[in-house]
Amino acid sequence: MPNLKIYVDETLWVERRTALTTALGPLRAMLCERLDVGIPACQLVLQPVTGLPDQPLVNAEISVLPRPERTSDFLEAFCRTLRDTLSEASGGAAIAVRCTTLDPLGYLAIK
């Protein structure tokens, strides 16, 4: 269950929308492989936003359910890969990645 929300400043969205949209497929494949989940478990979205000029132009927020193998070191390395992939798709823009592990007892998904 990785839930990835990618917020892209509208100034960057105008020029990099196609590249960012094209990156969604490879991003999902990376999520599935690295986090050992199937495609139906993934939810990825791109959202153009208006932000302050001193903030990163791309902000990725990912939520995952904990597993023993998803240690802090593992998640940090995973987020670095995610940041690098988004940086390439955004033409080298500043990227912020935030990762949250969810409480499995408090998580519910109805599809």
PDB file of N, CA and C in Angstrom:
ATOM      1  N   MET A   1       0.818  -1.178   0.000  1.00  0.00           N
ATOM      2  CA  MET A   1       0.000   0.000   0.000  1.00  0.00           C
ATOM      3  C   MET A   1       0.864   1.245   0.000  1.00  0.00           C
ATOM      4  N   PRO A   2       1.605   1.497  -0.998  1.00  0.00           N
ATOM      5  CA  PRO A   2       2.210   2.823  -1.052  1.00  0.00           C
ATOM      6  C   PRO A   2       1.221   3.812  -1.668  1.00  0.00           C
ATOM      7  N   ASN A   3       1.064   4.929  -0.999  1.00  0.00           N
ATOM      8  CA  ASN A   3       0.219   6.019  -1.480  1.00  0.00           C
ATOM      9  C   ASN A   3       1.153   7.196  -1.713  1.00  0.00           C
ATOM     10  N   LEU A   4       1.382   7.541  -2.977  1.00  0.00           N
ATOM     11  CA  LEU A   4       2.339   8.585  -3.336  1.00  0.00           C
ATOM     12  C   LEU A   4       1.605   9.774  -3.941  1.00  0.00           C
ATOM     13  N   LYS A   5       1.732  10.918  -3.286  1.00  0.00           N
ATOM     14  CA  LYS A   5       1.163  12.171  -3.779  1.00  0.00           C
ATOM     15  C   LYS A   5       2.333  13.079  -4.143  1.00  0.00           C
ATOM     16  N   ILE A   6       2.338  13.541  -5.380  1.00  0.00           N
ATOM     17  CA  ILE A   6       3.413  14.399  -5.861  1.00  0.00           C
ATOM     18  C   ILE A   6       2.815  15.757  -6.198  1.00  0.00           C
ATOM     19  N   TYR A   7       3.201  16.748  -5.418  1.00  0.00           N
ATOM     20  CA  TYR A   7       2.721  18.110  -5.610  1.00  0.00           C
ATOM     21  C   TYR A   7       3.773  18.875  -6.407  1.00  0.00           C
ATOM     22  N   VAL A   8       3.358  19.451  -7.534  1.00  0.00           N
ATOM     23  CA  VAL A   8       4.277  20.143  -8.435  1.00  0.00           C
ATOM     24  C   VAL A   8       3.849  21.596  -8.550  1.00  0.00           C
ATOM     25  N   ASP A   9       4.774  22.502  -8.248  1.00  0.00           N
ATOM     26  CA  ASP A   9       4.469  23.923  -8.376  1.00  0.00           C
ATOM     27  C   ASP A   9       4.010  24.210  -9.809  1.00  0.00           C
ATOM     28  N   GLU A  10       2.956  25.006  -9.928  1.00  0.00           N
ATOM     29  CA  GLU A  10       2.365  25.254 -11.244  1.00  0.00           C
ATOM     30  C   GLU A  10       3.345  25.879 -12.231  1.00  0.00           C
ATOM     31  N   THR A  11       4.348  26.597 -11.751  1.00  0.00           N
ATOM     32  CA  THR A  11       5.335  27.178 -12.668  1.00  0.00           C
ATOM     33  C   THR A  11       6.162  26.079 -13.333  1.00  0.00           C
ATOM     34  N   LEU A  12       6.449  25.025 -12.604  1.00  0.00           N
ATOM     35  CA  LEU A  12       7.181  23.885 -13.166  1.00  0.00           C
ATOM     36  C   LEU A  12       6.238  22.974 -13.941  1.00  0.00           C
ATOM     37  N   TRP A  13       5.001  22.853 -13.483  1.00  0.00           N
ATOM     38  CA  TRP A  13       3.996  22.000 -14.116  1.00  0.00           C
ATOM     39  C   TRP A  13       3.836  22.345 -15.594  1.00  0.00           C
ATOM     40  N   VAL A  14       3.820  23.628 -15.899  1.00  0.00           N
ATOM     41  CA  VAL A  14       3.610  24.079 -17.276  1.00  0.00           C
ATOM     42  C   VAL A  14       4.665  23.502 -18.216  1.00  0.00           C
ATOM     43  N   GLU A  15       5.914  23.500 -17.781  1.00  0.00           N
ATOM     44  CA  GLU A  15       6.982  23.056 -18.671  1.00  0.00           C
ATOM     45  C   GLU A  15       7.348  21.580 -18.532  1.00  0.00           C
ATOM     46  N   ARG A  16       7.006  20.906 -17.415  1.00  0.00           N
ATOM     47  CA  ARG A  16       7.458  19.540 -17.189  1.00  0.00           C
ATOM     48  C   ARG A  16       6.331  18.524 -17.016  1.00  0.00           C
ATOM     49  N   ARG A  17       5.101  18.936 -17.340  1.00  0.00           N
ATOM     50  CA  ARG A  17       3.957  18.050 -17.138  1.00  0.00           C
ATOM     51  C   ARG A  17       4.128  16.713 -17.857  1.00  0.00           C
ATOM     52  N   THR A  18       4.523  16.747 -19.108  1.00  0.00           N
ATOM     53  CA  THR A  18       4.660  15.518 -19.885  1.00  0.00           C
ATOM     54  C   THR A  18       5.723  14.607 -19.288  1.00  0.00           C
ATOM     55  N   ALA A  19       6.881  15.162 -18.940  1.00  0.00           N
ATOM     56  CA  ALA A  19       7.957  14.345 -18.376  1.00  0.00           C
ATOM     57  C   ALA A  19       7.545  13.746 -17.030  1.00  0.00           C
ATOM     58  N   LEU A  20       6.878  14.533 -16.209  1.00  0.00           N
ATOM     59  CA  LEU A  20       6.442  14.035 -14.900  1.00  0.00           C
ATOM     60  C   LEU A  20       5.364  12.963 -15.051  1.00  0.00           C
ATOM     61  N   THR A  21       4.437  13.177 -15.960  1.00  0.00           N
ATOM     62  CA  THR A  21       3.385  12.193 -16.199  1.00  0.00           C
ATOM     63  C   THR A  21       3.976  10.893 -16.736  1.00  0.00           C
ATOM     64  N   THR A  22       4.932  11.014 -17.644  1.00  0.00           N
ATOM     65  CA  THR A  22       5.594   9.843 -18.204  1.00  0.00           C
ATOM     66  C   THR A  22       6.347   9.065 -17.130  1.00  0.00           C
ATOM     67  N   ALA A  23       6.832   9.745 -16.118  1.00  0.00           N
ATOM     68  CA  ALA A  23       7.592   9.093 -15.045  1.00  0.00           C
ATOM     69  C   ALA A  23       6.712   8.269 -14.117  1.00  0.00           C
ATOM     70  N   LEU A  24       5.396   8.454 -14.147  1.00  0.00           N
ATOM     71  CA  LEU A  24       4.524   7.734 -13.220  1.00  0.00           C
ATOM     72  C   LEU A  24       4.619   6.216 -13.376  1.00  0.00           C
ATOM     73  N   GLY A  25       4.646   5.716 -14.603  1.00  0.00           N
ATOM     74  CA  GLY A  25       4.749   4.267 -14.834  1.00  0.00           C
ATOM     75  C   GLY A  25       6.022   3.680 -14.231  1.00  0.00           C
ATOM     76  N   PRO A  26       7.192   4.245 -14.574  1.00  0.00           N
ATOM     77  CA  PRO A  26       8.423   3.749 -13.958  1.00  0.00           C
ATOM     78  C   PRO A  26       8.457   3.931 -12.435  1.00  0.00           C
ATOM     79  N   LEU A  27       7.867   5.008 -11.937  1.00  0.00           N
ATOM     80  CA  LEU A  27       7.800   5.197 -10.489  1.00  0.00           C
ATOM     81  C   LEU A  27       6.984   4.089  -9.830  1.00  0.00           C
ATOM     82  N   ARG A  28       5.850   3.757 -10.424  1.00  0.00           N
ATOM     83  CA  ARG A  28       5.021   2.684  -9.865  1.00  0.00           C
ATOM     84  C   ARG A  28       5.767   1.354  -9.898  1.00  0.00           C
ATOM     85  N   ALA A  29       6.475   1.090 -10.992  1.00  0.00           N
ATOM     86  CA  ALA A  29       7.255  -0.148 -11.083  1.00  0.00           C
ATOM     87  C   ALA A  29       8.318  -0.192  -9.982  1.00  0.00           C
ATOM     88  N   MET A  30       8.970   0.937  -9.729  1.00  0.00           N
ATOM     89  CA  MET A  30       9.986   1.010  -8.683  1.00  0.00           C
ATOM     90  C   MET A  30       9.354   0.791  -7.308  1.00  0.00           C
ATOM     91  N   LEU A  31       8.197   1.412  -7.073  1.00  0.00           N
ATOM     92  CA  LEU A  31       7.498   1.215  -5.804  1.00  0.00           C
ATOM     93  C   LEU A  31       7.157  -0.258  -5.596  1.00  0.00           C
ATOM     94  N   CYS A  32       6.611  -0.889  -6.627  1.00  0.00           N
ATOM     95  CA  CYS A  32       6.223  -2.293  -6.515  1.00  0.00           C
ATOM     96  C   CYS A  32       7.429  -3.178  -6.236  1.00  0.00           C
ATOM     97  N   GLU A  33       8.517  -2.931  -6.954  1.00  0.00           N
ATOM     98  CA  GLU A  33       9.703  -3.753  -6.781  1.00  0.00           C
ATOM     99  C   GLU A  33      10.351  -3.541  -5.413  1.00  0.00           C
ATOM    100  N   ARG A  34      10.611  -2.296  -5.085  1.00  0.00           N
ATOM    101  CA  ARG A  34      11.335  -2.004  -3.840  1.00  0.00           C
ATOM    102  C   ARG A  34      10.513  -2.307  -2.591  1.00  0.00           C
ATOM    103  N   LEU A  35       9.205  -2.036  -2.651  1.00  0.00           N
ATOM    104  CA  LEU A  35       8.363  -2.241  -1.477  1.00  0.00           C
ATOM    105  C   LEU A  35       7.664  -3.591  -1.482  1.00  0.00           C
ATOM    106  N   ASP A  36       7.903  -4.374  -2.534  1.00  0.00           N
ATOM    107  CA  ASP A  36       7.355  -5.725  -2.653  1.00  0.00           C
ATOM    108  C   ASP A  36       5.826  -5.728  -2.528  1.00  0.00           C
ATOM    109  N   VAL A  37       5.201  -4.959  -3.417  1.00  0.00           N
ATOM    110  CA  VAL A  37       3.740  -4.891  -3.464  1.00  0.00           C
ATOM    111  C   VAL A  37       3.285  -5.043  -4.915  1.00  0.00           C
ATOM    112  N   GLY A  38       2.031  -5.392  -5.088  1.00  0.00           N
ATOM    113  CA  GLY A  38       1.459  -5.498  -6.417  1.00  0.00           C
ATOM    114  C   GLY A  38       0.906  -4.164  -6.893  1.00  0.00           C
ATOM    115  N   ILE A  39       0.686  -4.068  -8.185  1.00  0.00           N
ATOM    116  CA  ILE A  39       0.175  -2.833  -8.789  1.00  0.00           C
ATOM    117  C   ILE A  39      -1.131  -2.370  -8.134  1.00  0.00           C
ATOM    118  N   PRO A  40      -2.098  -3.269  -7.847  1.00  0.00           N
ATOM    119  CA  PRO A  40      -3.351  -2.794  -7.247  1.00  0.00           C
ATOM    120  C   PRO A  40      -3.162  -2.106  -5.893  1.00  0.00           C
ATOM    121  N   ALA A  41      -2.043  -2.352  -5.228  1.00  0.00           N
ATOM    122  CA  ALA A  41      -1.808  -1.741  -3.919  1.00  0.00           C
ATOM    123  C   ALA A  41      -1.342  -0.292  -4.028  1.00  0.00           C
ATOM    124  N   CYS A  42      -0.897   0.117  -5.210  1.00  0.00           N
ATOM    125  CA  CYS A  42      -0.296   1.445  -5.378  1.00  0.00           C
ATOM    126  C   CYS A  42      -1.327   2.499  -5.767  1.00  0.00           C
ATOM    127  N   GLN A  43      -1.118   3.684  -5.260  1.00  0.00           N
ATOM    128  CA  GLN A  43      -1.901   4.858  -5.653  1.00  0.00           C
ATOM    129  C   GLN A  43      -0.916   6.005  -5.839  1.00  0.00           C
ATOM    130  N   LEU A  44      -0.823   6.514  -7.066  1.00  0.00           N
ATOM    131  CA  LEU A  44       0.079   7.619  -7.380  1.00  0.00           C
ATOM    132  C   LEU A  44      -0.724   8.742  -8.010  1.00  0.00           C
ATOM    133  N   VAL A  45      -0.432   9.973  -7.601  1.00  0.00           N
ATOM    134  CA  VAL A  45      -1.077  11.128  -8.216  1.00  0.00           C
ATOM    135  C   VAL A  45      -0.069  12.259  -8.377  1.00  0.00           C
ATOM    136  N   LEU A  46      -0.291  13.034  -9.416  1.00  0.00           N
ATOM    137  CA  LEU A  46       0.417  14.292  -9.629  1.00  0.00           C
ATOM    138  C   LEU A  46      -0.591  15.407  -9.441  1.00  0.00           C
ATOM    139  N   GLN A  47      -0.215  16.431  -8.713  1.00  0.00           N
ATOM    140  CA  GLN A  47      -1.132  17.537  -8.456  1.00  0.00           C
ATOM    141  C   GLN A  47      -0.398  18.853  -8.619  1.00  0.00           C
ATOM    142  N   PRO A  48      -0.820  19.682  -9.594  1.00  0.00           N
ATOM    143  CA  PRO A  48      -0.234  21.019  -9.674  1.00  0.00           C
ATOM    144  C   PRO A  48      -0.738  21.872  -8.504  1.00  0.00           C
ATOM    145  N   VAL A  49       0.160  22.665  -7.942  1.00  0.00           N
ATOM    146  CA  VAL A  49      -0.180  23.486  -6.778  1.00  0.00           C
ATOM    147  C   VAL A  49       0.467  24.863  -6.913  1.00  0.00           C
ATOM    148  N   THR A  50       0.005  25.770  -6.093  1.00  0.00           N
ATOM    149  CA  THR A  50       0.638  27.081  -5.958  1.00  0.00           C
ATOM    150  C   THR A  50       1.291  27.126  -4.595  1.00  0.00           C
ATOM    151  N   GLY A  51       2.591  27.374  -4.589  1.00  0.00           N
ATOM    152  CA  GLY A  51       3.325  27.411  -3.332  1.00  0.00           C
ATOM    153  C   GLY A  51       4.138  28.685  -3.216  1.00  0.00           C
ATOM    154  N   LEU A  52       4.860  28.779  -2.143  1.00  0.00           N
ATOM    155  CA  LEU A  52       5.732  29.924  -1.912  1.00  0.00           C
ATOM    156  C   LEU A  52       7.030  29.752  -2.705  1.00  0.00           C
ATOM    157  N   PRO A  53       7.638  30.837  -3.151  1.00  0.00           N
ATOM    158  CA  PRO A  53       8.818  30.731  -4.015  1.00  0.00           C
ATOM    159  C   PRO A  53      10.055  30.159  -3.327  1.00  0.00           C
ATOM    160  N   ASP A  54      10.090  30.128  -2.015  1.00  0.00           N
ATOM    161  CA  ASP A  54      11.274  29.606  -1.325  1.00  0.00           C
ATOM    162  C   ASP A  54      11.138  28.129  -0.941  1.00  0.00           C
ATOM    163  N   GLN A  55      10.103  27.467  -1.438  1.00  0.00           N
ATOM    164  CA  GLN A  55       9.888  26.048  -1.165  1.00  0.00           C
ATOM    165  C   GLN A  55      10.349  25.211  -2.361  1.00  0.00           C
ATOM    166  N   PRO A  56      10.643  23.920  -2.146  1.00  0.00           N
ATOM    167  CA  PRO A  56      10.950  23.065  -3.294  1.00  0.00           C
ATOM    168  C   PRO A  56       9.793  23.067  -4.287  1.00  0.00           C
ATOM    169  N   LEU A  57      10.126  22.970  -5.564  1.00  0.00           N
ATOM    170  CA  LEU A  57       9.099  23.002  -6.608  1.00  0.00           C
ATOM    171  C   LEU A  57       8.316  21.695  -6.701  1.00  0.00           C
ATOM    172  N   VAL A  58       8.883  20.625  -6.174  1.00  0.00           N
ATOM    173  CA  VAL A  58       8.205  19.334  -6.151  1.00  0.00           C
ATOM    174  C   VAL A  58       8.258  18.793  -4.726  1.00  0.00           C
ATOM    175  N   ASN A  59       7.107  18.396  -4.227  1.00  0.00           N
ATOM    176  CA  ASN A  59       7.007  17.824  -2.882  1.00  0.00           C
ATOM    177  C   ASN A  59       6.308  16.473  -3.012  1.00  0.00           C
ATOM    178  N   ALA A  60       7.027  15.414  -2.690  1.00  0.00           N
ATOM    179  CA  ALA A  60       6.458  14.072  -2.754  1.00  0.00           C
ATOM    180  C   ALA A  60       6.193  13.588  -1.339  1.00  0.00           C
ATOM    181  N   GLU A  61       4.986  13.102  -1.129  1.00  0.00           N
ATOM    182  CA  GLU A  61       4.609  12.564   0.174  1.00  0.00           C
ATOM    183  C   GLU A  61       4.147  11.136  -0.031  1.00  0.00           C
ATOM    184  N   ILE A  62       4.845  10.217   0.614  1.00  0.00           N
ATOM    185  CA  ILE A  62       4.507   8.807   0.469  1.00  0.00           C
ATOM    186  C   ILE A  62       4.148   8.220   1.827  1.00  0.00           C
ATOM    187  N   SER A  63       3.085   7.436   1.830  1.00  0.00           N
ATOM    188  CA  SER A  63       2.644   6.725   3.026  1.00  0.00           C
ATOM    189  C   SER A  63       2.748   5.235   2.734  1.00  0.00           C
ATOM    190  N   VAL A  64       3.317   4.499   3.692  1.00  0.00           N
ATOM    191  CA  VAL A  64       3.460   3.055   3.539  1.00  0.00           C
ATOM    192  C   VAL A  64       3.069   2.381   4.852  1.00  0.00           C
ATOM    193  N   LEU A  65       2.634   1.149   4.726  1.00  0.00           N
ATOM    194  CA  LEU A  65       2.407   0.339   5.919  1.00  0.00           C
ATOM    195  C   LEU A  65       3.743  -0.244   6.355  1.00  0.00           C
ATOM    196  N   PRO A  66       3.975  -0.357   7.645  1.00  0.00           N
ATOM    197  CA  PRO A  66       5.256  -0.888   8.112  1.00  0.00           C
ATOM    198  C   PRO A  66       5.383  -2.385   7.847  1.00  0.00           C
ATOM    199  N   ARG A  67       6.610  -2.795   7.637  1.00  0.00           N
ATOM    200  CA  ARG A  67       6.995  -4.204   7.546  1.00  0.00           C
ATOM    201  C   ARG A  67       8.370  -4.308   8.189  1.00  0.00           C
ATOM    202  N   PRO A  68       8.733  -5.474   8.679  1.00  0.00           N
ATOM    203  CA  PRO A  68      10.044  -5.598   9.326  1.00  0.00           C
ATOM    204  C   PRO A  68      11.205  -5.157   8.445  1.00  0.00           C
ATOM    205  N   GLU A  69      11.124  -5.432   7.156  1.00  0.00           N
ATOM    206  CA  GLU A  69      12.225  -5.073   6.250  1.00  0.00           C
ATOM    207  C   GLU A  69      12.242  -3.577   5.890  1.00  0.00           C
ATOM    208  N   ARG A  70      11.204  -2.859   6.207  1.00  0.00           N
ATOM    209  CA  ARG A  70      11.138  -1.420   5.904  1.00  0.00           C
ATOM    210  C   ARG A  70      11.696  -0.612   7.075  1.00  0.00           C
ATOM    211  N   THR A  71      12.972  -0.792   7.294  1.00  0.00           N
ATOM    212  CA  THR A  71      13.669  -0.085   8.364  1.00  0.00           C
ATOM    213  C   THR A  71      13.838   1.389   7.996  1.00  0.00           C
ATOM    214  N   SER A  72      14.282   2.175   8.940  1.00  0.00           N
ATOM    215  CA  SER A  72      14.560   3.592   8.665  1.00  0.00           C
ATOM    216  C   SER A  72      15.598   3.736   7.569  1.00  0.00           C
ATOM    217  N   ASP A  73      16.657   2.927   7.619  1.00  0.00           N
ATOM    218  CA  ASP A  73      17.695   2.992   6.581  1.00  0.00           C
ATOM    219  C   ASP A  73      17.138   2.613   5.216  1.00  0.00           C
ATOM    220  N   PHE A  74      16.313   1.564   5.185  1.00  0.00           N
ATOM    221  CA  PHE A  74      15.702   1.143   3.929  1.00  0.00           C
ATOM    222  C   PHE A  74      14.835   2.250   3.353  1.00  0.00           C
ATOM    223  N   LEU A  75      13.973   2.842   4.194  1.00  0.00           N
ATOM    224  CA  LEU A  75      13.070   3.893   3.716  1.00  0.00           C
ATOM    225  C   LEU A  75      13.835   5.143   3.295  1.00  0.00           C
ATOM    226  N   GLU A  76      14.908   5.463   4.001  1.00  0.00           N
ATOM    227  CA  GLU A  76      15.715   6.618   3.605  1.00  0.00           C
ATOM    228  C   GLU A  76      16.343   6.397   2.230  1.00  0.00           C
ATOM    229  N   ALA A  77      16.906   5.230   1.992  1.00  0.00           N
ATOM    230  CA  ALA A  77      17.492   4.924   0.680  1.00  0.00           C
ATOM    231  C   ALA A  77      16.412   4.933  -0.398  1.00  0.00           C
ATOM    232  N   PHE A  78      15.251   4.371  -0.075  1.00  0.00           N
ATOM    233  CA  PHE A  78      14.129   4.371  -1.005  1.00  0.00           C
ATOM    234  C   PHE A  78      13.728   5.801  -1.370  1.00  0.00           C
ATOM    235  N   CYS A  79      13.625   6.673  -0.370  1.00  0.00           N
ATOM    236  CA  CYS A  79      13.224   8.064  -0.612  1.00  0.00           C
ATOM    237  C   CYS A  79      14.280   8.821  -1.421  1.00  0.00           C
ATOM    238  N   ARG A  80      15.540   8.493  -1.223  1.00  0.00           N
ATOM    239  CA  ARG A  80      16.595   9.118  -2.040  1.00  0.00           C
ATOM    240  C   ARG A  80      16.438   8.724  -3.510  1.00  0.00           C
ATOM    241  N   THR A  81      16.127   7.464  -3.760  1.00  0.00           N
ATOM    242  CA  THR A  81      15.889   7.015  -5.136  1.00  0.00           C
ATOM    243  C   THR A  81      14.673   7.720  -5.717  1.00  0.00           C
ATOM    244  N   LEU A  82      13.622   7.834  -4.936  1.00  0.00           N
ATOM    245  CA  LEU A  82      12.418   8.546  -5.368  1.00  0.00           C
ATOM    246  C   LEU A  82      12.751   9.998  -5.689  1.00  0.00           C
ATOM    247  N   ARG A  83      13.511  10.645  -4.823  1.00  0.00           N
ATOM    248  CA  ARG A  83      13.909  12.043  -5.052  1.00  0.00           C
ATOM    249  C   ARG A  83      14.713  12.172  -6.341  1.00  0.00           C
ATOM    250  N   ASP A  84      15.664  11.269  -6.558  1.00  0.00           N
ATOM    251  CA  ASP A  84      16.501  11.341  -7.758  1.00  0.00           C
ATOM    252  C   ASP A  84      15.674  11.150  -9.029  1.00  0.00           C
ATOM    253  N   THR A  85      14.733  10.220  -8.988  1.00  0.00           N
ATOM    254  CA  THR A  85      13.871   9.976 -10.145  1.00  0.00           C
ATOM    255  C   THR A  85      13.012  11.200 -10.448  1.00  0.00           C
ATOM    256  N   LEU A  86      12.444  11.802  -9.414  1.00  0.00           N
ATOM    257  CA  LEU A  86      11.619  13.003  -9.614  1.00  0.00           C
ATOM    258  C   LEU A  86      12.461  14.192 -10.054  1.00  0.00           C
ATOM    259  N   SER A  87      13.675  14.287  -9.568  1.00  0.00           N
ATOM    260  CA  SER A  87      14.561  15.371  -9.982  1.00  0.00           C
ATOM    261  C   SER A  87      14.852  15.282 -11.473  1.00  0.00           C
ATOM    262  N   GLU A  88      15.108  14.065 -11.937  1.00  0.00           N
ATOM    263  CA  GLU A  88      15.363  13.878 -13.372  1.00  0.00           C
ATOM    264  C   GLU A  88      14.135  14.254 -14.195  1.00  0.00           C
ATOM    265  N   ALA A  89      12.957  13.798 -13.781  1.00  0.00           N
ATOM    266  CA  ALA A  89      11.727  14.090 -14.527  1.00  0.00           C
ATOM    267  C   ALA A  89      11.362  15.567 -14.487  1.00  0.00           C
ATOM    268  N   SER A  90      11.806  16.255 -13.441  1.00  0.00           N
ATOM    269  CA  SER A  90      11.456  17.674 -13.297  1.00  0.00           C
ATOM    270  C   SER A  90      12.540  18.597 -13.842  1.00  0.00           C
ATOM    271  N   GLY A  91      13.549  18.026 -14.482  1.00  0.00           N
ATOM    272  CA  GLY A  91      14.602  18.860 -15.057  1.00  0.00           C
ATOM    273  C   GLY A  91      15.568  19.402 -14.029  1.00  0.00           C
ATOM    274  N   GLY A  92      15.731  18.697 -12.919  1.00  0.00           N
ATOM    275  CA  GLY A  92      16.688  19.106 -11.895  1.00  0.00           C
ATOM    276  C   GLY A  92      16.130  20.052 -10.850  1.00  0.00           C
ATOM    277  N   ALA A  93      14.821  20.155 -10.770  1.00  0.00           N
ATOM    278  CA  ALA A  93      14.192  21.036  -9.773  1.00  0.00           C
ATOM    279  C   ALA A  93      14.452  20.535  -8.363  1.00  0.00           C
ATOM    280  N   ALA A  94      14.336  21.446  -7.410  1.00  0.00           N
ATOM    281  CA  ALA A  94      14.460  21.071  -5.998  1.00  0.00           C
ATOM    282  C   ALA A  94      13.286  20.169  -5.614  1.00  0.00           C
ATOM    283  N   ILE A  95      13.606  19.063  -4.936  1.00  0.00           N
ATOM    284  CA  ILE A  95      12.605  18.061  -4.572  1.00  0.00           C
ATOM    285  C   ILE A  95      12.637  17.846  -3.059  1.00  0.00           C
ATOM    286  N   ALA A  96      11.469  17.762  -2.442  1.00  0.00           N
ATOM    287  CA  ALA A  96      11.354  17.343  -1.049  1.00  0.00           C
ATOM    288  C   ALA A  96      10.563  16.038  -1.034  1.00  0.00           C
ATOM    289  N   VAL A  97      11.040  15.077  -0.266  1.00  0.00           N
ATOM    290  CA  VAL A  97      10.337  13.798  -0.122  1.00  0.00           C
ATOM    291  C   VAL A  97      10.078  13.568   1.360  1.00  0.00           C
ATOM    292  N   ARG A  98       8.840  13.256   1.668  1.00  0.00           N
ATOM    293  CA  ARG A  98       8.452  12.945   3.037  1.00  0.00           C
ATOM    294  C   ARG A  98       7.805  11.558   3.044  1.00  0.00           C
ATOM    295  N   CYS A  99       8.185  10.758   4.017  1.00  0.00           N
ATOM    296  CA  CYS A  99       7.678   9.392   4.107  1.00  0.00           C
ATOM    297  C   CYS A  99       7.049   9.186   5.473  1.00  0.00           C
ATOM    298  N   THR A 100       5.863   8.618   5.475  1.00  0.00           N
ATOM    299  CA  THR A 100       5.152   8.314   6.711  1.00  0.00           C
ATOM    300  C   THR A 100       4.806   6.835   6.724  1.00  0.00           C
ATOM    301  N   THR A 101       5.073   6.187   7.844  1.00  0.00           N
ATOM    302  CA  THR A 101       4.587   4.823   8.018  1.00  0.00           C
ATOM    303  C   THR A 101       3.286   4.911   8.808  1.00  0.00           C
ATOM    304  N   LEU A 102       2.309   4.198   8.347  1.00  0.00           N
ATOM    305  CA  LEU A 102       0.962   4.248   8.921  1.00  0.00           C
ATOM    306  C   LEU A 102       0.779   3.201  10.011  1.00  0.00           C
ATOM    307  N   ASP A 103      -0.089   3.484  10.929  1.00  0.00           N
ATOM    308  CA  ASP A 103      -0.468   2.518  11.948  1.00  0.00           C
ATOM    309  C   ASP A 103      -1.408   1.503  11.274  1.00  0.00           C
ATOM    310  N   PRO A 104      -0.994   0.250  11.148  1.00  0.00           N
ATOM    311  CA  PRO A 104      -1.848  -0.728  10.448  1.00  0.00           C
ATOM    312  C   PRO A 104      -3.200  -0.937  11.122  1.00  0.00           C
ATOM    313  N   LEU A 105      -3.281  -0.698  12.416  1.00  0.00           N
ATOM    314  CA  LEU A 105      -4.574  -0.866  13.103  1.00  0.00           C
ATOM    315  C   LEU A 105      -5.526   0.276  12.801  1.00  0.00           C
ATOM    316  N   GLY A 106      -4.984   1.428  12.413  1.00  0.00           N
ATOM    317  CA  GLY A 106      -5.818   2.577  12.119  1.00  0.00           C
ATOM    318  C   GLY A 106      -6.003   2.825  10.635  1.00  0.00           C
ATOM    319  N   TYR A 107      -5.490   1.943   9.797  1.00  0.00           N
ATOM    320  CA  TYR A 107      -5.566   2.131   8.350  1.00  0.00           C
ATOM    321  C   TYR A 107      -6.700   1.309   7.777  1.00  0.00           C
ATOM    322  N   LEU A 108      -7.485   1.945   6.936  1.00  0.00           N
ATOM    323  CA  LEU A 108      -8.595   1.265   6.258  1.00  0.00           C
ATOM    324  C   LEU A 108      -8.643   1.764   4.827  1.00  0.00           C
ATOM    325  N   ALA A 109      -8.792   0.869   3.882  1.00  0.00           N
ATOM    326  CA  ALA A 109      -8.949   1.240   2.479  1.00  0.00           C
ATOM    327  C   ALA A 109     -10.122   0.455   1.902  1.00  0.00           C
ATOM    328  N   ILE A 110     -11.014   1.153   1.266  1.00  0.00           N
ATOM    329  CA  ILE A 110     -12.147   0.513   0.586  1.00  0.00           C
ATOM    330  C   ILE A 110     -12.037   0.894  -0.876  1.00  0.00           C
ATOM    331  N   LYS A 111     -11.926  -0.098  -1.728  1.00  0.00           N
ATOM    332  CA  LYS A 111     -11.760   0.168  -3.164  1.00  0.00           C
ATOM    333  C   LYS A 111     -12.907  -0.425  -3.918  1.00  0.00           C
TER     334      LYS A 111
END
